[in-house]
C-alpha atoms as a PDB file:
ATOM      1  CA  MET A   1    -181.570-104.425-212.099  1.00  0.00           C
ATOM      2  CA  THR A   2    -178.067-102.103-212.656  1.00  0.00           C
ATOM      3  CA  VAL A   3    -175.505-102.457-210.562  1.00  0.00           C
ATOM      4  CA  ASP A   4    -176.032 -99.299-208.976  1.00  0.00           C
ATOM      5  CA  GLN A   5    -179.369-100.402-208.035  1.00  0.00           C
ATOM      6  CA  LEU A   6    -177.995-103.848-207.054  1.00  0.00           C
ATOM      7  CA  ILE A   7    -174.950-102.137-204.340  1.00  0.00           C
ATOM      8  CA  LEU A   8    -177.958 -99.592-202.884  1.00  0.00           C
ATOM      9  CA  GLU A   9    -180.372-102.734-202.392  1.00  0.00           C
ATOM     10  CA  ILE A  10    -177.364-104.672-200.898  1.00  0.00           C
ATOM     11  CA  ILE A  11    -176.490-101.986-198.494  1.00  0.00           C
ATOM     12  CA  GLU A  12    -179.738-101.072-197.380  1.00  0.00           C
ATOM     13  CA  GLY A  13    -180.545-104.827-196.329  1.00  0.00           C
ATOM     14  CA  GLU A  14    -177.459-106.156-195.213  1.00  0.00           C
ATOM     15  CA  THR A  15    -174.351-105.190-192.913  1.00  0.00           C
ATOM     16  CA  VAL A  16    -171.568-104.889-195.420  1.00  0.00           C
ATOM     17  CA  THR A  17    -168.417-103.759-193.571  1.00  0.00           C
ATOM     18  CA  ASP A  18    -165.775-104.172-196.267  1.00  0.00           C
ATOM     19  CA  GLN A  19    -165.805-103.970-200.239  1.00  0.00           C
ATOM     20  CA  ALA A  20    -164.543-107.683-200.691  1.00  0.00           C
ATOM     21  CA  THR A  21    -167.696-108.831-199.160  1.00  0.00           C
ATOM     22  CA  LEU A  22    -169.740-106.168-201.089  1.00  0.00           C
ATOM     23  CA  LEU A  23    -167.955-107.948-204.247  1.00  0.00           C
ATOM     24  CA  THR A  24    -168.644-111.442-203.802  1.00  0.00           C
ATOM     25  CA  MET A  25    -172.527-110.241-202.605  1.00  0.00           C
ATOM     26  CA  LEU A  26    -172.337-108.487-206.006  1.00  0.00           C
ATOM     27  CA  ALA A  27    -171.036-111.633-207.839  1.00  0.00           C
ATOM     28  CA  GLY A  28    -173.445-114.272-206.082  1.00  0.00           C
ATOM     29  CA  ARG A  29    -175.921-111.733-207.732  1.00  0.00           C
ATOM     30  CA  GLY A  30    -174.916-112.184-211.333  1.00  0.00           C
ATOM     31  CA  ARG A  31    -173.104-109.190-211.149  1.00  0.00           C
ATOM     32  CA  ALA A  32    -169.144-109.680-210.750  1.00  0.00           C
ATOM     33  CA  VAL A  33    -167.798-106.143-210.908  1.00  0.00           C
ATOM     34  CA  THR A  34    -163.514-105.267-210.123  1.00  0.00           C
ATOM     35  CA  GLN A  35    -162.843-103.147-207.018  1.00  0.00           C
ATOM     36  CA  PRO A  36    -161.627-100.482-208.632  1.00  0.00           C
ATOM     37  CA  THR A  37    -165.170-100.140-210.451  1.00  0.00           C
ATOM     38  CA  LEU A  38    -166.977-100.919-207.304  1.00  0.00           C
ATOM     39  CA  SER A  39    -165.032 -97.990-205.826  1.00  0.00           C
ATOM     40  CA  ARG A  40    -166.318 -95.638-208.781  1.00  0.00           C
ATOM     41  CA  HIS A  41    -169.931 -97.094-208.162  1.00  0.00           C
ATOM     42  CA  LEU A  42    -169.674 -96.313-204.490  1.00  0.00           C
ATOM     43  CA  LYS A  43    -168.479 -92.863-205.096  1.00  0.00           C
ATOM     44  CA  LYS A  44    -170.827 -91.978-207.658  1.00  0.00           C
ATOM     45  CA  LEU A  45    -173.502 -93.350-205.499  1.00  0.00           C
ATOM     46  CA  SER A  46    -172.416 -91.304-202.282  1.00  0.00           C
ATOM     47  CA  VAL A  47    -171.927 -94.690-200.185  1.00  0.00           C
ATOM     48  CA  MET A  48    -169.430 -94.336-197.666  1.00  0.00           C
ATOM     49  CA  LYS A  49    -168.032 -96.143-194.477  1.00  0.00           C
ATOM     50  CA  VAL A  50    -169.915 -95.063-191.704  1.00  0.00           C
ATOM     51  CA  ASN A  51    -169.841 -96.512-188.045  1.00  0.00           C
ATOM     52  CA  GLY A  52    -168.281 -99.723-189.757  1.00  0.00           C
ATOM     53  CA  ARG A  53    -170.773-100.377-192.316  1.00  0.00           C
ATOM     54  CA  TYR A  54    -171.347 -99.151-196.188  1.00  0.00           C
ATOM     55  CA  GLN A  55    -174.187 -96.558-196.309  1.00  0.00           C
ATOM     56  CA  ARG A  56    -175.347 -93.828-198.581  1.00  0.00           C
ATOM     57  CA  VAL A  57    -174.754 -90.745-197.576  1.00  0.00           C
ATOM     58  CA  GLU A  58    -176.532 -87.379-198.352  1.00  0.00           C
ATOM     59  CA  ARG A  59    -173.748 -84.633-199.494  1.00  0.00           C
ATOM     60  CA  SER A  60    -174.379 -81.175-198.701  1.00  0.00           C
ATOM     61  CA  ALA A  61    -173.602 -78.111-200.753  1.00  0.00           C
ATOM     62  CA  PRO A  62    -170.051 -77.384-199.549  1.00  0.00           C
ATOM     63  CA  GLU A  63    -170.441 -73.636-198.042  1.00  0.00           C
ATOM     64  CA  ARG A  64    -168.913 -70.653-199.607  1.00  0.00           C
ATOM     65  CA  PRO A  65    -166.024 -68.892-197.881  1.00  0.00           C
ATOM     66  CA  GLU A  66    -166.234 -66.032-195.944  1.00  0.00           C
ATOM     67  CA  TYR A  67    -165.588 -62.568-197.685  1.00  0.00           C
ATOM     68  CA  SER A  68    -165.826 -58.930-197.615  1.00  0.00           C
ATOM     69  CA  LEU A  69    -166.099 -56.424-200.765  1.00  0.00           C
ATOM     70  CA  VAL A  70    -164.561 -53.341-200.857  1.00  0.00           C
ATOM     71  CA  GLU A  71    -165.332 -50.837-203.467  1.00  0.00           C
ATOM     72  CA  ALA A  72    -162.317 -48.673-204.683  1.00  0.00           C
ATOM     73  CA  PRO A  73    -162.991 -45.940-206.718  1.00  0.00           C
ATOM     74  CA  PRO A  74    -162.988 -45.051-209.906  1.00  0.00           C
ATOM     75  CA  ASN A  75    -162.846 -48.491-211.063  1.00  0.00           C
ATOM     76  CA  LEU A  76    -162.219 -51.412-208.859  1.00  0.00           C
ATOM     77  CA  VAL A  77    -163.912 -53.905-206.082  1.00  0.00           C
ATOM     78  CA  ILE A  78    -161.626 -55.974-204.150  1.00  0.00           C
ATOM     79  CA  LEU A  79    -162.679 -59.086-202.570  1.00  0.00           C
ATOM     80  CA  LYS A  80    -160.991 -60.132-199.165  1.00  0.00           C
ATOM     81  CA  THR A  81    -161.109 -63.774-198.133  1.00  0.00           C
ATOM     82  CA  ALA A  82    -159.362 -66.603-196.475  1.00  0.00           C
ATOM     83  CA  PRO A  83    -156.009 -67.794-198.000  1.00  0.00           C
ATOM     84  CA  GLY A  84    -156.889 -70.199-200.735  1.00  0.00           C
ATOM     85  CA  HIS A  85    -160.215 -69.374-201.184  1.00  0.00           C
ATOM     86  CA  ALA A  86    -159.569 -66.457-203.738  1.00  0.00           C
ATOM     87  CA  PRO A  87    -159.407 -68.515-206.867  1.00  0.00           C
ATOM     88  CA  LEU A  88    -162.968 -70.193-206.113  1.00  0.00           C
ATOM     89  CA  LEU A  89    -164.731 -66.884-205.700  1.00  0.00           C
ATOM     90  CA  GLY A  90    -163.232 -65.596-208.639  1.00  0.00           C
ATOM     91  CA  VAL A  91    -164.410 -68.187-210.835  1.00  0.00           C
ATOM     92  CA  ILE A  92    -167.882 -67.657-209.198  1.00  0.00           C
ATOM     93  CA  ILE A  93    -167.722 -63.910-210.342  1.00  0.00           C
ATOM     94  CA  ASP A  94    -166.205 -64.716-213.530  1.00  0.00           C
ATOM     95  CA  ARG A  95    -169.086 -67.216-214.399  1.00  0.00           C
ATOM     96  CA  ALA A  96    -172.050 -65.229-213.336  1.00  0.00           C
ATOM     97  CA  GLY A  97    -171.693 -63.159-216.529  1.00  0.00           C
ATOM     98  CA  ILE A  98    -171.826 -59.736-214.847  1.00  0.00           C
ATOM     99  CA  THR A  99    -171.811 -57.170-217.810  1.00  0.00           C
ATOM    100  CA  GLY A 100    -170.093 -54.375-215.585  1.00  0.00           C
ATOM    101  CA  ILE A 101    -167.035 -56.407-214.918  1.00  0.00           C
ATOM    102  CA  ALA A 102    -163.869 -56.004-217.505  1.00  0.00           C
ATOM    103  CA  GLY A 103    -161.902 -58.309-215.963  1.00  0.00           C
ATOM    104  CA  SER A 104    -160.722 -60.030-212.638  1.00  0.00           C
ATOM    105  CA  LEU A 105    -157.432 -61.359-211.181  1.00  0.00           C
ATOM    106  CA  ALA A 106    -157.422 -64.051-208.181  1.00  0.00           C
ATOM    107  CA  GLY A 107    -154.522 -64.221-205.993  1.00  0.00           C
ATOM    108  CA  ASP A 108    -154.427 -66.494-202.869  1.00  0.00           C
ATOM    109  CA  ASP A 109    -156.908 -64.345-200.329  1.00  0.00           C
ATOM    110  CA  THR A 110    -157.518 -61.348-202.679  1.00  0.00           C
ATOM    111  CA  VAL A 111    -159.499 -60.825-206.092  1.00  0.00           C
ATOM    112  CA  PHE A 112    -159.339 -57.738-207.623  1.00  0.00           C
ATOM    113  CA  ILE A 113    -162.476 -56.964-210.093  1.00  0.00           C
ATOM    114  CA  ALA A 114    -161.906 -54.177-212.679  1.00  0.00           C
ATOM    115  CA  ALA A 115    -165.620 -52.585-213.525  1.00  0.00           C
ATOM    116  CA  ALA A 116    -165.990 -51.765-217.537  1.00  0.00           C
ATOM    117  CA  ALA A 117    -165.583 -48.088-218.347  1.00  0.00           C
ATOM    118  CA  GLY A 118    -168.965 -46.053-217.320  1.00  0.00           C
ATOM    119  CA  THR A 119    -169.982 -48.895-214.657  1.00  0.00           C
ATOM    120  CA  ASP A 120    -170.778 -47.523-211.257  1.00  0.00           C
ATOM    121  CA  VAL A 121    -168.713 -49.289-208.752  1.00  0.00           C
ATOM    122  CA  ALA A 122    -171.650 -49.330-205.870  1.00  0.00           C
ATOM    123  CA  ALA A 123    -173.829 -51.034-208.214  1.00  0.00           C
ATOM    124  CA  LEU A 124    -170.957 -53.584-209.125  1.00  0.00           C
ATOM    125  CA  ARG A 125    -170.012 -54.093-205.780  1.00  0.00           C
ATOM    126  CA  GLU A 126    -173.958 -55.338-204.989  1.00  0.00           C
ATOM    127  CA  GLU A 127    -173.997 -57.444-208.460  1.00  0.00           C
ATOM    128  CA  ILE A 128    -171.142 -59.369-207.081  1.00  0.00           C
ATOM    129  CA  GLU A 129    -172.538 -59.777-203.616  1.00  0.00           C
ATOM    130  CA  ALA A 130    -175.839 -61.278-205.071  1.00  0.00           C
ATOM    131  CA  ALA A 131    -173.923 -63.515-207.478  1.00  0.00           C
ATOM    132  CA  LEU A 132    -171.884 -64.996-204.761  1.00  0.00           C
ATOM    133  CA  GLU A 133    -174.707 -65.475-202.105  1.00  0.00           C
ATOM    134  CA  GLY A 134    -176.540 -66.830-205.255  1.00  0.00           C
END
């Protein structure tokens, strides 16, 4: 049995209120690990302290920040979002591999997206929106 499997077995079967107790339980079952190693395992397994005891929690996908897209002919699409979110949305757009984009520039709350020559800006806005919703 791996350390991960043993951790999950222990926290599902017993009330574990602190890492020191969990370390002792692991050592008692032949798996001595250090506290930093235990912390890494707990993080990887999505184990957190809930209501005073360690439990595995389901991580939900982070929500995309709200945004608006505006066409600015002849060759720009402008994305507006809350402060601090433009870099994240800019990376999503860049990684989408949309062929009609010549380049993009993300500030704090705005992303300027330049259309490649010959690209219809309205169609580009729709592709960007589809990439952000996907």
